[in-house]
Amino acid sequence: MTVTNEDDPSLTRAQKRLLRRIYNGRVIPIVTDGKPFLTYKEACHYLLRLEGAARDAAYEAMKEQAKSGQRDRPVT
């Protein structure tokens, strides 16, 4: 029997995969809630500290910022 916990604090597999893609080789941090995140581990640790709706909002903000074209090239 498989027991699922609705209050499981971990990220979903899809969320982890997207975060790995977003942060792979990043040289410009993604800023969420006023905090810069440059690595997958930093982003995951931050998201795991948040609760429900706040976590979802921060994840969506990271996703949108990555999608908006703020890529990995530093301004010189």
PDB file of N, CA and C in Angstrom:
ATOM      1  N   MET A   1       0.836  -1.166   0.000  1.00  0.00           N
ATOM      2  CA  MET A   1       0.000   0.000   0.000  1.00  0.00           C
ATOM      3  C   MET A   1       0.889   1.240   0.000  1.00  0.00           C
ATOM      4  N   THR A   2       0.548   2.217  -0.840  1.00  0.00           N
ATOM      5  CA  THR A   2       1.297   3.465  -0.919  1.00  0.00           C
ATOM      6  C   THR A   2       0.584   4.524  -0.086  1.00  0.00           C
ATOM      7  N   VAL A   3       1.330   5.130   0.795  1.00  0.00           N
ATOM      8  CA  VAL A   3       0.776   6.179   1.636  1.00  0.00           C
ATOM      9  C   VAL A   3       1.315   7.502   1.139  1.00  0.00           C
ATOM     10  N   THR A   4       0.415   8.429   0.859  1.00  0.00           N
ATOM     11  CA  THR A   4       0.844   9.757   0.428  1.00  0.00           C
ATOM     12  C   THR A   4       0.532  10.756   1.517  1.00  0.00           C
ATOM     13  N   ASN A   5       1.375  11.738   1.622  1.00  0.00           N
ATOM     14  CA  ASN A   5       1.195  12.782   2.614  1.00  0.00           C
ATOM     15  C   ASN A   5       0.945  14.085   1.881  1.00  0.00           C
ATOM     16  N   GLU A   6      -0.223  14.646   2.045  1.00  0.00           N
ATOM     17  CA  GLU A   6      -0.571  15.893   1.358  1.00  0.00           C
ATOM     18  C   GLU A   6       0.288  17.062   1.826  1.00  0.00           C
ATOM     19  N   ASP A   7       0.831  16.971   3.019  1.00  0.00           N
ATOM     20  CA  ASP A   7       1.653  18.050   3.562  1.00  0.00           C
ATOM     21  C   ASP A   7       3.137  17.798   3.341  1.00  0.00           C
ATOM     22  N   ASP A   8       3.481  16.943   2.374  1.00  0.00           N
ATOM     23  CA  ASP A   8       4.870  16.624   2.078  1.00  0.00           C
ATOM     24  C   ASP A   8       5.623  17.893   1.702  1.00  0.00           C
ATOM     25  N   PRO A   9       6.697  18.204   2.416  1.00  0.00           N
ATOM     26  CA  PRO A   9       7.399  19.465   2.172  1.00  0.00           C
ATOM     27  C   PRO A   9       8.315  19.459   0.952  1.00  0.00           C
ATOM     28  N   SER A  10       8.475  18.314   0.293  1.00  0.00           N
ATOM     29  CA  SER A  10       9.417  18.279  -0.823  1.00  0.00           C
ATOM     30  C   SER A  10       8.797  18.854  -2.094  1.00  0.00           C
ATOM     31  N   LEU A  11       9.670  19.190  -3.031  1.00  0.00           N
ATOM     32  CA  LEU A  11       9.236  19.690  -4.332  1.00  0.00           C
ATOM     33  C   LEU A  11       8.872  18.506  -5.217  1.00  0.00           C
ATOM     34  N   THR A  12       8.008  18.737  -6.194  1.00  0.00           N
ATOM     35  CA  THR A  12       7.651  17.663  -7.110  1.00  0.00           C
ATOM     36  C   THR A  12       8.807  17.384  -8.059  1.00  0.00           C
ATOM     37  N   ARG A  13       8.756  16.240  -8.695  1.00  0.00           N
ATOM     38  CA  ARG A  13       9.806  15.871  -9.639  1.00  0.00           C
ATOM     39  C   ARG A  13       9.885  16.883 -10.779  1.00  0.00           C
ATOM     40  N   ALA A  14       8.726  17.312 -11.282  1.00  0.00           N
ATOM     41  CA  ALA A  14       8.699  18.293 -12.372  1.00  0.00           C
ATOM     42  C   ALA A  14       9.308  19.626 -11.932  1.00  0.00           C
ATOM     43  N   GLN A  15       9.019  20.042 -10.712  1.00  0.00           N
ATOM     44  CA  GLN A  15       9.592  21.293 -10.205  1.00  0.00           C
ATOM     45  C   GLN A  15      11.104  21.187 -10.099  1.00  0.00           C
ATOM     46  N   LYS A  16      11.595  20.065  -9.591  1.00  0.00           N
ATOM     47  CA  LYS A  16      13.041  19.871  -9.461  1.00  0.00           C
ATOM     48  C   LYS A  16      13.721  19.885 -10.828  1.00  0.00           C
ATOM     49  N   ARG A  17      13.104  19.223 -11.805  1.00  0.00           N
ATOM     50  CA  ARG A  17      13.690  19.178 -13.149  1.00  0.00           C
ATOM     51  C   ARG A  17      13.759  20.571 -13.762  1.00  0.00           C
ATOM     52  N   LEU A  18      12.690  21.350 -13.631  1.00  0.00           N
ATOM     53  CA  LEU A  18      12.692  22.698 -14.198  1.00  0.00           C
ATOM     54  C   LEU A  18      13.716  23.579 -13.486  1.00  0.00           C
ATOM     55  N   LEU A  19      13.796  23.481 -12.176  1.00  0.00           N
ATOM     56  CA  LEU A  19      14.788  24.275 -11.443  1.00  0.00           C
ATOM     57  C   LEU A  19      16.207  23.914 -11.876  1.00  0.00           C
ATOM     58  N   ARG A  20      16.460  22.633 -12.103  1.00  0.00           N
ATOM     59  CA  ARG A  20      17.795  22.235 -12.580  1.00  0.00           C
ATOM     60  C   ARG A  20      18.091  22.870 -13.934  1.00  0.00           C
ATOM     61  N   ARG A  21      17.112  22.896 -14.807  1.00  0.00           N
ATOM     62  CA  ARG A  21      17.306  23.528 -16.122  1.00  0.00           C
ATOM     63  C   ARG A  21      17.539  25.025 -15.990  1.00  0.00           C
ATOM     64  N   ILE A  22      16.748  25.670 -15.153  1.00  0.00           N
ATOM     65  CA  ILE A  22      16.865  27.120 -14.970  1.00  0.00           C
ATOM     66  C   ILE A  22      18.245  27.496 -14.443  1.00  0.00           C
ATOM     67  N   TYR A  23      18.724  26.753 -13.461  1.00  0.00           N
ATOM     68  CA  TYR A  23      19.967  27.136 -12.776  1.00  0.00           C
ATOM     69  C   TYR A  23      21.226  26.487 -13.345  1.00  0.00           C
ATOM     70  N   ASN A  24      21.115  25.648 -14.348  1.00  0.00           N
ATOM     71  CA  ASN A  24      22.272  24.998 -14.944  1.00  0.00           C
ATOM     72  C   ASN A  24      23.147  26.024 -15.671  1.00  0.00           C
ATOM     73  N   GLY A  25      24.344  26.265 -15.158  1.00  0.00           N
ATOM     74  CA  GLY A  25      25.289  27.174 -15.796  1.00  0.00           C
ATOM     75  C   GLY A  25      24.936  28.647 -15.687  1.00  0.00           C
ATOM     76  N   ARG A  26      24.037  29.003 -14.812  1.00  0.00           N
ATOM     77  CA  ARG A  26      23.593  30.395 -14.679  1.00  0.00           C
ATOM     78  C   ARG A  26      24.710  31.258 -14.106  1.00  0.00           C
ATOM     79  N   VAL A  27      24.895  32.442 -14.701  1.00  0.00           N
ATOM     80  CA  VAL A  27      25.882  33.397 -14.184  1.00  0.00           C
ATOM     81  C   VAL A  27      25.219  34.687 -13.711  1.00  0.00           C
ATOM     82  N   ILE A  28      23.960  34.871 -14.063  1.00  0.00           N
ATOM     83  CA  ILE A  28      23.175  36.002 -13.570  1.00  0.00           C
ATOM     84  C   ILE A  28      22.119  35.432 -12.642  1.00  0.00           C
ATOM     85  N   PRO A  29      22.078  35.873 -11.388  1.00  0.00           N
ATOM     86  CA  PRO A  29      21.123  35.285 -10.449  1.00  0.00           C
ATOM     87  C   PRO A  29      19.673  35.658 -10.781  1.00  0.00           C
ATOM     88  N   ILE A  30      18.784  34.806 -10.352  1.00  0.00           N
ATOM     89  CA  ILE A  30      17.355  35.092 -10.404  1.00  0.00           C
ATOM     90  C   ILE A  30      16.998  35.660  -9.042  1.00  0.00           C
ATOM     91  N   VAL A  31      16.337  36.792  -9.025  1.00  0.00           N
ATOM     92  CA  VAL A  31      15.984  37.452  -7.771  1.00  0.00           C
ATOM     93  C   VAL A  31      14.515  37.183  -7.482  1.00  0.00           C
ATOM     94  N   THR A  32      14.265  36.564  -6.339  1.00  0.00           N
ATOM     95  CA  THR A  32      12.916  36.260  -5.895  1.00  0.00           C
ATOM     96  C   THR A  32      12.773  36.718  -4.455  1.00  0.00           C
ATOM     97  N   ASP A  33      11.724  37.458  -4.177  1.00  0.00           N
ATOM     98  CA  ASP A  33      11.497  37.993  -2.833  1.00  0.00           C
ATOM     99  C   ASP A  33      12.692  38.804  -2.330  1.00  0.00           C
ATOM    100  N   GLY A  34      13.377  39.480  -3.255  1.00  0.00           N
ATOM    101  CA  GLY A  34      14.511  40.312  -2.900  1.00  0.00           C
ATOM    102  C   GLY A  34      15.800  39.552  -2.632  1.00  0.00           C
ATOM    103  N   LYS A  35      15.794  38.242  -2.876  1.00  0.00           N
ATOM    104  CA  LYS A  35      16.983  37.423  -2.634  1.00  0.00           C
ATOM    105  C   LYS A  35      17.490  36.853  -3.949  1.00  0.00           C
ATOM    106  N   PRO A  36      18.797  36.988  -4.223  1.00  0.00           N
ATOM    107  CA  PRO A  36      19.350  36.426  -5.460  1.00  0.00           C
ATOM    108  C   PRO A  36      19.683  34.944  -5.308  1.00  0.00           C
ATOM    109  N   PHE A  37      19.346  34.167  -6.334  1.00  0.00           N
ATOM    110  CA  PHE A  37      19.638  32.734  -6.348  1.00  0.00           C
ATOM    111  C   PHE A  37      20.402  32.418  -7.614  1.00  0.00           C
ATOM    112  N   LEU A  38      21.587  31.827  -7.459  1.00  0.00           N
ATOM    113  CA  LEU A  38      22.440  31.520  -8.591  1.00  0.00           C
ATOM    114  C   LEU A  38      22.545  30.017  -8.837  1.00  0.00           C
ATOM    115  N   THR A  39      22.244  29.219  -7.832  1.00  0.00           N
ATOM    116  CA  THR A  39      22.371  27.770  -7.987  1.00  0.00           C
ATOM    117  C   THR A  39      21.061  27.059  -7.661  1.00  0.00           C
ATOM    118  N   TYR A  40      20.969  25.852  -8.173  1.00  0.00           N
ATOM    119  CA  TYR A  40      19.815  24.986  -7.922  1.00  0.00           C
ATOM    120  C   TYR A  40      19.652  24.736  -6.425  1.00  0.00           C
ATOM    121  N   LYS A  41      20.745  24.449  -5.742  1.00  0.00           N
ATOM    122  CA  LYS A  41      20.677  24.146  -4.310  1.00  0.00           C
ATOM    123  C   LYS A  41      20.163  25.330  -3.499  1.00  0.00           C
ATOM    124  N   GLU A  42      20.657  26.530  -3.819  1.00  0.00           N
ATOM    125  CA  GLU A  42      20.184  27.720  -3.113  1.00  0.00           C
ATOM    126  C   GLU A  42      18.682  27.891  -3.295  1.00  0.00           C
ATOM    127  N   ALA A  43      18.225  27.734  -4.530  1.00  0.00           N
ATOM    128  CA  ALA A  43      16.804  27.907  -4.839  1.00  0.00           C
ATOM    129  C   ALA A  43      15.957  26.855  -4.133  1.00  0.00           C
ATOM    130  N   CYS A  44      16.390  25.602  -4.167  1.00  0.00           N
ATOM    131  CA  CYS A  44      15.636  24.527  -3.514  1.00  0.00           C
ATOM    132  C   CYS A  44      15.562  24.736  -2.009  1.00  0.00           C
ATOM    133  N   HIS A  45      16.676  25.064  -1.383  1.00  0.00           N
ATOM    134  CA  HIS A  45      16.667  25.288   0.065  1.00  0.00           C
ATOM    135  C   HIS A  45      15.716  26.416   0.434  1.00  0.00           C
ATOM    136  N   TYR A  46      15.717  27.475  -0.348  1.00  0.00           N
ATOM    137  CA  TYR A  46      14.809  28.592  -0.078  1.00  0.00           C
ATOM    138  C   TYR A  46      13.352  28.143  -0.228  1.00  0.00           C
ATOM    139  N   LEU A  47      13.041  27.467  -1.326  1.00  0.00           N
ATOM    140  CA  LEU A  47      11.662  27.041  -1.566  1.00  0.00           C
ATOM    141  C   LEU A  47      11.172  26.068  -0.497  1.00  0.00           C
ATOM    142  N   LEU A  48      12.036  25.193  -0.036  1.00  0.00           N
ATOM    143  CA  LEU A  48      11.637  24.219   0.975  1.00  0.00           C
ATOM    144  C   LEU A  48      11.369  24.848   2.338  1.00  0.00           C
ATOM    145  N   ARG A  49      11.899  26.027   2.569  1.00  0.00           N
ATOM    146  CA  ARG A  49      11.623  26.734   3.829  1.00  0.00           C
ATOM    147  C   ARG A  49      10.265  27.410   3.818  1.00  0.00           C
ATOM    148  N   LEU A  50       9.705  27.606   2.621  1.00  0.00           N
ATOM    149  CA  LEU A  50       8.425  28.293   2.505  1.00  0.00           C
ATOM    150  C   LEU A  50       7.263  27.325   2.657  1.00  0.00           C
ATOM    151  N   GLU A  51       6.111  27.863   2.990  1.00  0.00           N
ATOM    152  CA  GLU A  51       4.886  27.078   3.137  1.00  0.00           C
ATOM    153  C   GLU A  51       4.008  27.240   1.905  1.00  0.00           C
ATOM    154  N   GLY A  52       3.249  26.257   1.562  1.00  0.00           N
ATOM    155  CA  GLY A  52       2.234  26.200   0.520  1.00  0.00           C
ATOM    156  C   GLY A  52       2.196  27.291  -0.536  1.00  0.00           C
ATOM    157  N   ALA A  53       1.318  28.279  -0.343  1.00  0.00           N
ATOM    158  CA  ALA A  53       1.090  29.324  -1.341  1.00  0.00           C
ATOM    159  C   ALA A  53       2.326  30.188  -1.564  1.00  0.00           C
ATOM    160  N   ALA A  54       3.073  30.454  -0.513  1.00  0.00           N
ATOM    161  CA  ALA A  54       4.290  31.262  -0.646  1.00  0.00           C
ATOM    162  C   ALA A  54       5.323  30.516  -1.500  1.00  0.00           C
ATOM    163  N   ARG A  55       5.419  29.195  -1.300  1.00  0.00           N
ATOM    164  CA  ARG A  55       6.344  28.386  -2.097  1.00  0.00           C
ATOM    165  C   ARG A  55       5.932  28.398  -3.561  1.00  0.00           C
ATOM    166  N   ASP A  56       4.644  28.211  -3.816  1.00  0.00           N
ATOM    167  CA  ASP A  56       4.151  28.209  -5.190  1.00  0.00           C
ATOM    168  C   ASP A  56       4.399  29.546  -5.873  1.00  0.00           C
ATOM    169  N   ALA A  57       4.182  30.636  -5.147  1.00  0.00           N
ATOM    170  CA  ALA A  57       4.390  31.971  -5.704  1.00  0.00           C
ATOM    171  C   ALA A  57       5.870  32.215  -6.026  1.00  0.00           C
ATOM    172  N   ALA A  58       6.756  31.804  -5.128  1.00  0.00           N
ATOM    173  CA  ALA A  58       8.192  31.988  -5.353  1.00  0.00           C
ATOM    174  C   ALA A  58       8.664  31.136  -6.528  1.00  0.00           C
ATOM    175  N   TYR A  59       8.167  29.906  -6.630  1.00  0.00           N
ATOM    176  CA  TYR A  59       8.522  29.023  -7.741  1.00  0.00           C
ATOM    177  C   TYR A  59       8.067  29.629  -9.068  1.00  0.00           C
ATOM    178  N   GLU A  60       6.838  30.125  -9.094  1.00  0.00           N
ATOM    179  CA  GLU A  60       6.322  30.755 -10.317  1.00  0.00           C
ATOM    180  C   GLU A  60       7.121  31.998 -10.680  1.00  0.00           C
ATOM    181  N   ALA A  61       7.544  32.774  -9.684  1.00  0.00           N
ATOM    182  CA  ALA A  61       8.349  33.969  -9.940  1.00  0.00           C
ATOM    183  C   ALA A  61       9.694  33.583 -10.556  1.00  0.00           C
ATOM    184  N   MET A  62      10.316  32.515 -10.046  1.00  0.00           N
ATOM    185  CA  MET A  62      11.589  32.048 -10.613  1.00  0.00           C
ATOM    186  C   MET A  62      11.384  31.594 -12.054  1.00  0.00           C
ATOM    187  N   LYS A  63      10.322  30.861 -12.257  1.00  0.00           N
ATOM    188  CA  LYS A  63      10.018  30.338 -13.587  1.00  0.00           C
ATOM    189  C   LYS A  63       9.766  31.473 -14.582  1.00  0.00           C
ATOM    190  N   GLU A  64       8.985  32.460 -14.187  1.00  0.00           N
ATOM    191  CA  GLU A  64       8.680  33.586 -15.066  1.00  0.00           C
ATOM    192  C   GLU A  64       9.917  34.426 -15.353  1.00  0.00           C
ATOM    193  N   GLN A  65      10.742  34.636 -14.350  1.00  0.00           N
ATOM    194  CA  GLN A  65      11.951  35.436 -14.555  1.00  0.00           C
ATOM    195  C   GLN A  65      12.900  34.728 -15.513  1.00  0.00           C
ATOM    196  N   ALA A  66      13.012  33.418 -15.402  1.00  0.00           N
ATOM    197  CA  ALA A  66      13.868  32.648 -16.314  1.00  0.00           C
ATOM    198  C   ALA A  66      13.299  32.688 -17.721  1.00  0.00           C
ATOM    199  N   LYS A  67      11.984  32.635 -17.830  1.00  0.00           N
ATOM    200  CA  LYS A  67      11.324  32.634 -19.135  1.00  0.00           C
ATOM    201  C   LYS A  67      11.368  34.012 -19.804  1.00  0.00           C
ATOM    202  N   SER A  68      11.435  35.053 -19.011  1.00  0.00           N
ATOM    203  CA  SER A  68      11.346  36.418 -19.541  1.00  0.00           C
ATOM    204  C   SER A  68      12.570  36.854 -20.330  1.00  0.00           C
ATOM    205  N   GLY A  69      13.572  35.993 -20.403  1.00  0.00           N
ATOM    206  CA  GLY A  69      14.733  36.316 -21.217  1.00  0.00           C
ATOM    207  C   GLY A  69      15.935  36.801 -20.466  1.00  0.00           C
ATOM    208  N   GLN A  70      15.864  36.840 -19.158  1.00  0.00           N
ATOM    209  CA  GLN A  70      17.024  37.247 -18.384  1.00  0.00           C
ATOM    210  C   GLN A  70      17.941  36.043 -18.314  1.00  0.00           C
ATOM    211  N   ARG A  71      18.779  35.901 -19.301  1.00  0.00           N
ATOM    212  CA  ARG A  71      19.588  34.701 -19.469  1.00  0.00           C
ATOM    213  C   ARG A  71      20.946  34.825 -18.807  1.00  0.00           C
ATOM    214  N   ASP A  72      21.806  33.951 -19.237  1.00  0.00           N
ATOM    215  CA  ASP A  72      23.064  33.727 -18.550  1.00  0.00           C
ATOM    216  C   ASP A  72      24.222  34.604 -18.984  1.00  0.00           C
ATOM    217  N   ARG A  73      23.978  35.615 -19.743  1.00  0.00           N
ATOM    218  CA  ARG A  73      25.075  36.453 -20.200  1.00  0.00           C
ATOM    219  C   ARG A  73      25.206  37.699 -19.315  1.00  0.00           C
ATOM    220  N   PRO A  74      26.341  37.858 -18.678  1.00  0.00           N
ATOM    221  CA  PRO A  74      26.522  39.051 -17.847  1.00  0.00           C
ATOM    222  C   PRO A  74      26.662  40.304 -18.714  1.00  0.00           C
ATOM    223  N   VAL A  75      26.208  41.404 -18.189  1.00  0.00           N
ATOM    224  CA  VAL A  75      26.325  42.678 -18.883  1.00  0.00           C
ATOM    225  C   VAL A  75      27.751  43.171 -18.729  1.00  0.00           C
ATOM    226  N   THR A  76      28.395  43.505 -19.857  1.00  0.00           N
ATOM    227  CA  THR A  76      29.789  43.979 -19.794  1.00  0.00           C
ATOM    228  C   THR A  76      29.895  45.394 -20.262  1.00  0.00           C
TER     229      THR A  76
END
